[in-house]
Amino acid sequence: MDINVKKTKTLVINKSGHINCSIMVNGSVLEQVSPYKYLGRWITEDSKCELDIKSRIDMAKDSYWKQRIAKG
């Protein structure tokens, strides 16, 4: 199996906060990210879901106002 280093990212989940972690593949360090959207859900390094909930509330508000304006 080949790993595309340019498309591969890492996320370290830790309750106490940010931790730097260097993972190397074929001599290249993988990019560490936070937060990261995976399969439509926001994942953060502290494993809390506040960002995901806020994002979904914002999407619901946008949808509501678009329908309301369309019915006008």
C-alpha atoms as a PDB file:
ATOM      1  CA  MET A   1       0.000   0.000   0.000  1.00  0.00           C
ATOM      2  CA  ASP A   2       1.292   3.464  -0.863  1.00  0.00           C
ATOM      3  CA  ILE A   3       0.669   6.464   1.392  1.00  0.00           C
ATOM      4  CA  ASN A   4       0.333   9.856  -0.258  1.00  0.00           C
ATOM      5  CA  VAL A   5       2.268  12.121   2.132  1.00  0.00           C
ATOM      6  CA  LYS A   6       0.731  15.283   0.638  1.00  0.00           C
ATOM      7  CA  LYS A   7      -2.832  14.107   1.344  1.00  0.00           C
ATOM      8  CA  THR A   8      -2.203  12.446   4.713  1.00  0.00           C
ATOM      9  CA  LYS A   9      -2.648  14.461   7.905  1.00  0.00           C
ATOM     10  CA  THR A  10      -2.343  13.616  11.591  1.00  0.00           C
ATOM     11  CA  LEU A  11      -4.437  14.653  14.572  1.00  0.00           C
ATOM     12  CA  VAL A  12      -3.358  13.934  18.147  1.00  0.00           C
ATOM     13  CA  ILE A  13      -6.297  13.661  20.547  1.00  0.00           C
ATOM     14  CA  ASN A  14      -5.468  14.549  24.141  1.00  0.00           C
ATOM     15  CA  LYS A  15      -7.737  15.872  26.901  1.00  0.00           C
ATOM     16  CA  SER A  16      -5.091  18.220  28.295  1.00  0.00           C
ATOM     17  CA  GLY A  17      -4.586  20.206  25.092  1.00  0.00           C
ATOM     18  CA  HIS A  18      -2.188  20.544  22.188  1.00  0.00           C
ATOM     19  CA  ILE A  19       0.706  18.102  21.800  1.00  0.00           C
ATOM     20  CA  ASN A  20       3.205  18.210  18.949  1.00  0.00           C
ATOM     21  CA  CYS A  21       3.826  14.862  17.329  1.00  0.00           C
ATOM     22  CA  SER A  22       6.141  14.200  14.393  1.00  0.00           C
ATOM     23  CA  ILE A  23       5.214  11.188  12.301  1.00  0.00           C
ATOM     24  CA  MET A  24       7.511  10.472   9.368  1.00  0.00           C
ATOM     25  CA  VAL A  25       6.599   8.512   6.240  1.00  0.00           C
ATOM     26  CA  ASN A  26       9.237   7.950   3.579  1.00  0.00           C
ATOM     27  CA  GLY A  27      11.407  10.678   5.113  1.00  0.00           C
ATOM     28  CA  SER A  28       8.643  13.311   5.122  1.00  0.00           C
ATOM     29  CA  VAL A  29       6.913  14.617   8.258  1.00  0.00           C
ATOM     30  CA  LEU A  30       3.119  14.394   8.083  1.00  0.00           C
ATOM     31  CA  GLU A  31       1.164  17.608   8.676  1.00  0.00           C
ATOM     32  CA  GLN A  32      -0.499  17.844  12.094  1.00  0.00           C
ATOM     33  CA  VAL A  33      -3.911  19.527  12.055  1.00  0.00           C
ATOM     34  CA  SER A  34      -6.610  20.613  14.466  1.00  0.00           C
ATOM     35  CA  PRO A  35      -9.534  20.738  13.970  1.00  0.00           C
ATOM     36  CA  TYR A  36     -10.187  18.330  11.106  1.00  0.00           C
ATOM     37  CA  LYS A  37     -13.403  17.618   9.234  1.00  0.00           C
ATOM     38  CA  TYR A  38     -13.801  13.869   8.668  1.00  0.00           C
ATOM     39  CA  LEU A  39     -16.900  12.361   7.084  1.00  0.00           C
ATOM     40  CA  GLY A  40     -18.814  15.572   7.741  1.00  0.00           C
ATOM     41  CA  ARG A  41     -17.956  15.755  11.442  1.00  0.00           C
ATOM     42  CA  TRP A  42     -15.480  18.139  13.076  1.00  0.00           C
ATOM     43  CA  ILE A  43     -12.872  16.379  15.200  1.00  0.00           C
ATOM     44  CA  THR A  44     -10.751  18.455  17.584  1.00  0.00           C
ATOM     45  CA  GLU A  45      -7.620  17.603  19.527  1.00  0.00           C
ATOM     46  CA  ASP A  46      -9.466  17.819  22.874  1.00  0.00           C
ATOM     47  CA  SER A  47     -12.126  15.340  21.613  1.00  0.00           C
ATOM     48  CA  LYS A  48     -14.988  17.694  22.454  1.00  0.00           C
ATOM     49  CA  CYS A  49     -17.882  18.167  20.050  1.00  0.00           C
ATOM     50  CA  GLU A  50     -18.646  21.887  20.581  1.00  0.00           C
ATOM     51  CA  LEU A  51     -17.276  22.905  17.176  1.00  0.00           C
ATOM     52  CA  ASP A  52     -19.303  20.209  15.435  1.00  0.00           C
ATOM     53  CA  ILE A  53     -22.498  21.240  17.250  1.00  0.00           C
ATOM     54  CA  LYS A  54     -21.975  24.936  16.418  1.00  0.00           C
ATOM     55  CA  SER A  55     -21.319  24.020  12.794  1.00  0.00           C
ATOM     56  CA  ARG A  56     -24.541  22.005  12.564  1.00  0.00           C
ATOM     57  CA  ILE A  57     -26.561  24.778  14.229  1.00  0.00           C
ATOM     58  CA  ASP A  58     -25.169  27.269  11.694  1.00  0.00           C
ATOM     59  CA  MET A  59     -26.088  24.936   8.804  1.00  0.00           C
ATOM     60  CA  ALA A  60     -29.631  24.583  10.187  1.00  0.00           C
ATOM     61  CA  LYS A  61     -29.995  28.372  10.541  1.00  0.00           C
ATOM     62  CA  ASP A  62     -28.791  28.917   6.974  1.00  0.00           C
ATOM     63  CA  SER A  63     -31.226  26.329   5.657  1.00  0.00           C
ATOM     64  CA  TYR A  64     -34.115  27.844   7.642  1.00  0.00           C
ATOM     65  CA  TRP A  65     -33.459  31.372   6.375  1.00  0.00           C
ATOM     66  CA  LYS A  66     -33.035  30.211   2.766  1.00  0.00           C
ATOM     67  CA  GLN A  67     -36.434  28.481   2.911  1.00  0.00           C
ATOM     68  CA  ARG A  68     -38.037  31.449   4.617  1.00  0.00           C
ATOM     69  CA  ILE A  69     -36.721  33.896   2.010  1.00  0.00           C
ATOM     70  CA  ALA A  70     -37.766  31.581  -0.856  1.00  0.00           C
ATOM     71  CA  LYS A  71     -41.361  31.479   0.462  1.00  0.00           C
ATOM     72  CA  GLY A  72     -41.132  35.231   0.986  1.00  0.00           C
END
